[in-house]
Amino acid sequence: FLGFLYMIYTYILAVINKREGSLMSLVSSSILFFVMGAVIVEYFGFIKNSMLFYFVGYQQFFFFQSIILFYRYNRKIEVAKEKAESAARSQSDFLSMISHEIRTPLNAVIGLTNYLIGDKPKKQHLDDLNTLKFSAEHLHVLINDVLDYSKLDAGKIEFEEVDVNVVEMARNIVK
């Protein structure tokens, strides 16, 4: 009996401190306390056997306990979902930042390559410069694809139409 009183006291403190699930625990333990109290009172002969009362009492106790477990597991699932969404946002932010950081020096490589091509290089260097330009532009497209992936993940993707010279692209790939 003292154990039950102490248990009820701790649940009341938990309810006052607004701990999660404490109110349901207080209700279910109170139901169990009344059922056990009835068993004790029955033992001393003050009331007759009331199996229906015991059945309903235990049923309600287990019902409230199942609700408590449901809320606990549901909260754990919500926390896991929040962590997963945070990790996805961090990944997207990281990809976006790295892509921007790589893009800056790559633009310098493309710009200098265009400058050297326009500076009338020797024939033997022109093919190498064109290959360098194609490779840098291809890398630039890949980085833009990573940025587009980040935008797609964030729901901010915009499509554009671009003309492509397939013969020229195949020739550059072969080189």
Protein backbone atom coordinates (compact mmCIF):
# COMPACT_ATOMS: atom_id res chain seq x y z
CA PHE A 1 0.00 0.00 0.00
CA LEU A 2 2.83 2.38 0.87
CA GLY A 3 4.54 1.50 -2.39
CA PHE A 4 1.42 2.45 -4.34
CA LEU A 5 1.12 5.72 -2.43
CA TYR A 6 4.75 6.53 -3.18
CA MET A 7 4.21 5.68 -6.86
CA ILE A 8 1.17 7.96 -7.07
CA TYR A 9 3.17 10.71 -5.34
CA THR A 10 5.99 10.45 -7.91
CA TYR A 11 3.51 10.53 -10.79
CA ILE A 12 1.84 13.63 -9.33
CA LEU A 13 5.28 15.31 -9.13
CA ALA A 14 5.92 14.30 -12.74
CA VAL A 15 2.58 15.81 -13.82
CA ILE A 16 3.39 19.04 -11.95
CA ASN A 17 6.80 19.15 -13.70
CA LYS A 18 5.02 18.47 -17.02
CA ARG A 19 7.01 15.37 -17.94
CA GLU A 20 5.94 13.66 -21.12
CA GLY A 21 3.42 10.86 -20.56
CA SER A 22 3.15 11.51 -16.82
CA LEU A 23 -0.58 12.28 -16.85
CA MET A 24 -1.40 9.01 -18.63
CA SER A 25 0.86 7.15 -16.20
CA LEU A 26 -0.91 8.78 -13.26
CA VAL A 27 -4.32 7.77 -14.63
CA SER A 28 -3.31 4.18 -15.41
CA SER A 29 -1.55 3.74 -12.05
CA SER A 30 -4.54 5.22 -10.22
CA ILE A 31 -6.80 2.69 -11.93
CA LEU A 32 -4.42 -0.10 -10.91
CA PHE A 33 -4.32 1.35 -7.38
CA PHE A 34 -8.13 1.25 -7.12
CA VAL A 35 -8.26 -2.32 -8.43
CA MET A 36 -5.58 -3.47 -6.00
CA GLY A 37 -7.34 -1.57 -3.22
CA ALA A 38 -10.53 -3.43 -4.05
CA VAL A 39 -8.64 -6.73 -3.87
CA ILE A 40 -7.35 -5.81 -0.41
CA VAL A 41 -10.80 -4.67 0.78
CA GLU A 42 -12.26 -7.89 -0.61
CA TYR A 43 -9.64 -9.92 1.25
CA PHE A 44 -10.82 -8.43 4.54
CA GLY A 45 -14.44 -9.19 3.62
CA PHE A 46 -15.78 -5.68 3.24
CA ILE A 47 -16.95 -6.28 -0.33
CA LYS A 48 -17.87 -9.33 -2.35
CA ASN A 49 -15.97 -10.68 -5.34
CA SER A 50 -16.41 -8.32 -8.30
CA MET A 51 -14.70 -9.92 -11.27
CA LEU A 52 -16.21 -7.43 -13.71
CA PHE A 53 -14.64 -4.54 -11.79
CA TYR A 54 -11.25 -6.28 -11.82
CA PHE A 55 -11.52 -7.09 -15.51
CA VAL A 56 -12.47 -3.53 -16.50
CA GLY A 57 -9.82 -2.07 -14.18
CA TYR A 58 -6.99 -4.21 -15.56
CA GLN A 59 -8.22 -3.62 -19.10
CA GLN A 60 -8.13 0.15 -18.61
CA PHE A 61 -4.70 -0.05 -16.99
CA PHE A 62 -3.29 -1.91 -19.98
CA PHE A 63 -5.11 0.39 -22.39
CA PHE A 64 -3.49 3.49 -20.88
CA GLN A 65 -0.12 1.76 -20.79
CA SER A 66 -0.41 0.97 -24.52
CA ILE A 67 -1.22 4.63 -25.22
CA ILE A 68 1.88 5.66 -23.28
CA LEU A 69 4.03 3.26 -25.31
CA PHE A 70 2.47 4.53 -28.52
CA TYR A 71 3.37 8.14 -27.66
CA ARG A 72 6.90 7.19 -26.64
CA TYR A 73 7.60 5.33 -29.88
CA ASN A 74 5.88 8.01 -31.93
CA ARG A 75 8.12 10.66 -30.34
CA LYS A 76 11.22 8.58 -31.08
CA ILE A 77 10.13 8.30 -34.71
CA GLU A 78 9.61 12.08 -34.89
CA VAL A 79 13.08 12.71 -33.44
CA ALA A 80 14.63 10.29 -35.95
CA LYS A 81 12.76 11.99 -38.80
CA GLU A 82 13.99 15.42 -37.67
CA LYS A 83 17.57 14.13 -37.52
CA ALA A 84 17.28 12.63 -41.02
CA GLU A 85 15.85 15.87 -42.43
CA SER A 86 18.62 17.86 -40.74
CA ALA A 87 21.25 15.52 -42.21
CA ALA A 88 19.72 15.90 -45.68
CA ARG A 89 19.76 19.71 -45.34
CA SER A 90 23.39 19.61 -44.19
CA GLN A 91 24.33 17.43 -47.15
CA SER A 92 22.57 19.75 -49.57
CA ASP A 93 24.21 22.81 -48.02
CA PHE A 94 27.62 21.13 -48.16
CA LEU A 95 27.22 20.16 -51.83
CA SER A 96 26.08 23.66 -52.70
CA MET A 97 28.99 25.31 -50.87
CA ILE A 98 31.64 22.97 -52.34
CA SER A 99 30.21 23.39 -55.83
CA HIS A 100 30.42 27.16 -55.55
CA GLU A 101 33.98 26.95 -54.20
CA ILE A 102 35.09 24.72 -57.10
CA ARG A 103 33.27 26.82 -59.66
CA THR A 104 35.34 29.97 -58.96
CA PRO A 105 38.79 28.59 -59.95
CA LEU A 106 37.19 26.62 -62.77
CA ASN A 107 35.83 29.84 -64.25
CA ALA A 108 39.38 31.19 -64.17
CA VAL A 109 40.63 28.10 -66.07
CA ILE A 110 37.89 28.49 -68.69
CA GLY A 111 38.52 32.22 -69.02
CA LEU A 112 42.29 31.83 -69.40
CA THR A 113 41.79 29.02 -71.89
CA ASN A 114 39.50 31.24 -73.98
CA TYR A 115 42.06 34.05 -73.73
CA LEU A 116 44.88 31.76 -74.91
CA ILE A 117 42.76 30.42 -77.79
CA GLY A 118 42.02 33.98 -78.87
CA ASP A 119 45.72 34.92 -78.66
CA LYS A 120 46.51 32.99 -81.89
CA PRO A 121 48.44 30.01 -80.46
CA LYS A 122 50.51 27.59 -82.49
CA LYS A 123 48.55 24.90 -84.32
CA GLN A 124 49.97 22.17 -82.07
CA HIS A 125 48.81 24.04 -78.94
CA LEU A 126 45.38 24.93 -80.33
CA ASP A 127 44.13 21.31 -80.20
CA ASP A 128 45.36 20.96 -76.61
CA LEU A 129 43.73 24.26 -75.62
CA ASN A 130 40.44 23.22 -77.23
CA THR A 131 40.60 19.89 -75.35
CA LEU A 132 41.34 21.79 -72.12
CA LYS A 133 38.42 24.13 -72.80
CA PHE A 134 36.06 21.21 -73.48
CA SER A 135 37.17 19.36 -70.34
CA ALA A 136 36.81 22.46 -68.17
CA GLU A 137 33.39 23.22 -69.61
CA HIS A 138 32.35 19.60 -69.06
CA LEU A 139 33.51 19.83 -65.45
CA HIS A 140 31.57 23.08 -65.15
CA VAL A 141 28.44 21.28 -66.38
CA LEU A 142 28.98 18.53 -63.77
CA ILE A 143 29.30 21.11 -61.00
CA ASN A 144 26.14 22.83 -62.23
CA ASP A 145 24.42 19.43 -62.11
CA VAL A 146 25.42 19.09 -58.45
CA LEU A 147 23.96 22.55 -57.80
CA ASP A 148 20.82 21.58 -59.72
CA TYR A 149 20.55 18.46 -57.56
CA SER A 150 20.66 20.67 -54.47
CA LYS A 151 18.00 22.92 -55.97
CA LEU A 152 15.89 19.90 -56.91
CA ASP A 153 16.16 18.61 -53.35
CA ALA A 154 15.04 22.02 -52.06
CA GLY A 155 12.20 22.21 -54.63
CA LYS A 156 13.68 25.26 -56.40
CA ILE A 157 14.70 23.77 -59.77
CA GLU A 158 14.26 25.75 -62.98
CA PHE A 159 14.63 24.13 -66.41
CA GLU A 160 16.25 25.72 -69.43
CA GLU A 161 16.68 24.66 -73.05
CA VAL A 162 20.21 24.59 -74.46
CA ASP A 163 21.29 23.78 -78.03
CA VAL A 164 23.94 21.07 -78.28
CA ASN A 165 26.21 20.28 -81.19
CA VAL A 166 26.38 16.49 -80.83
CA VAL A 167 29.05 16.04 -83.52
CA GLU A 168 31.35 18.59 -81.84
CA MET A 169 30.75 17.03 -78.44
CA ALA A 170 31.54 13.53 -79.73
CA ARG A 171 34.72 14.83 -81.37
CA ASN A 172 35.82 16.44 -78.09
CA ILE A 173 35.05 13.28 -76.13
CA VAL A 174 37.20 11.25 -78.53
CA LYS A 175 40.07 13.75 -78.04
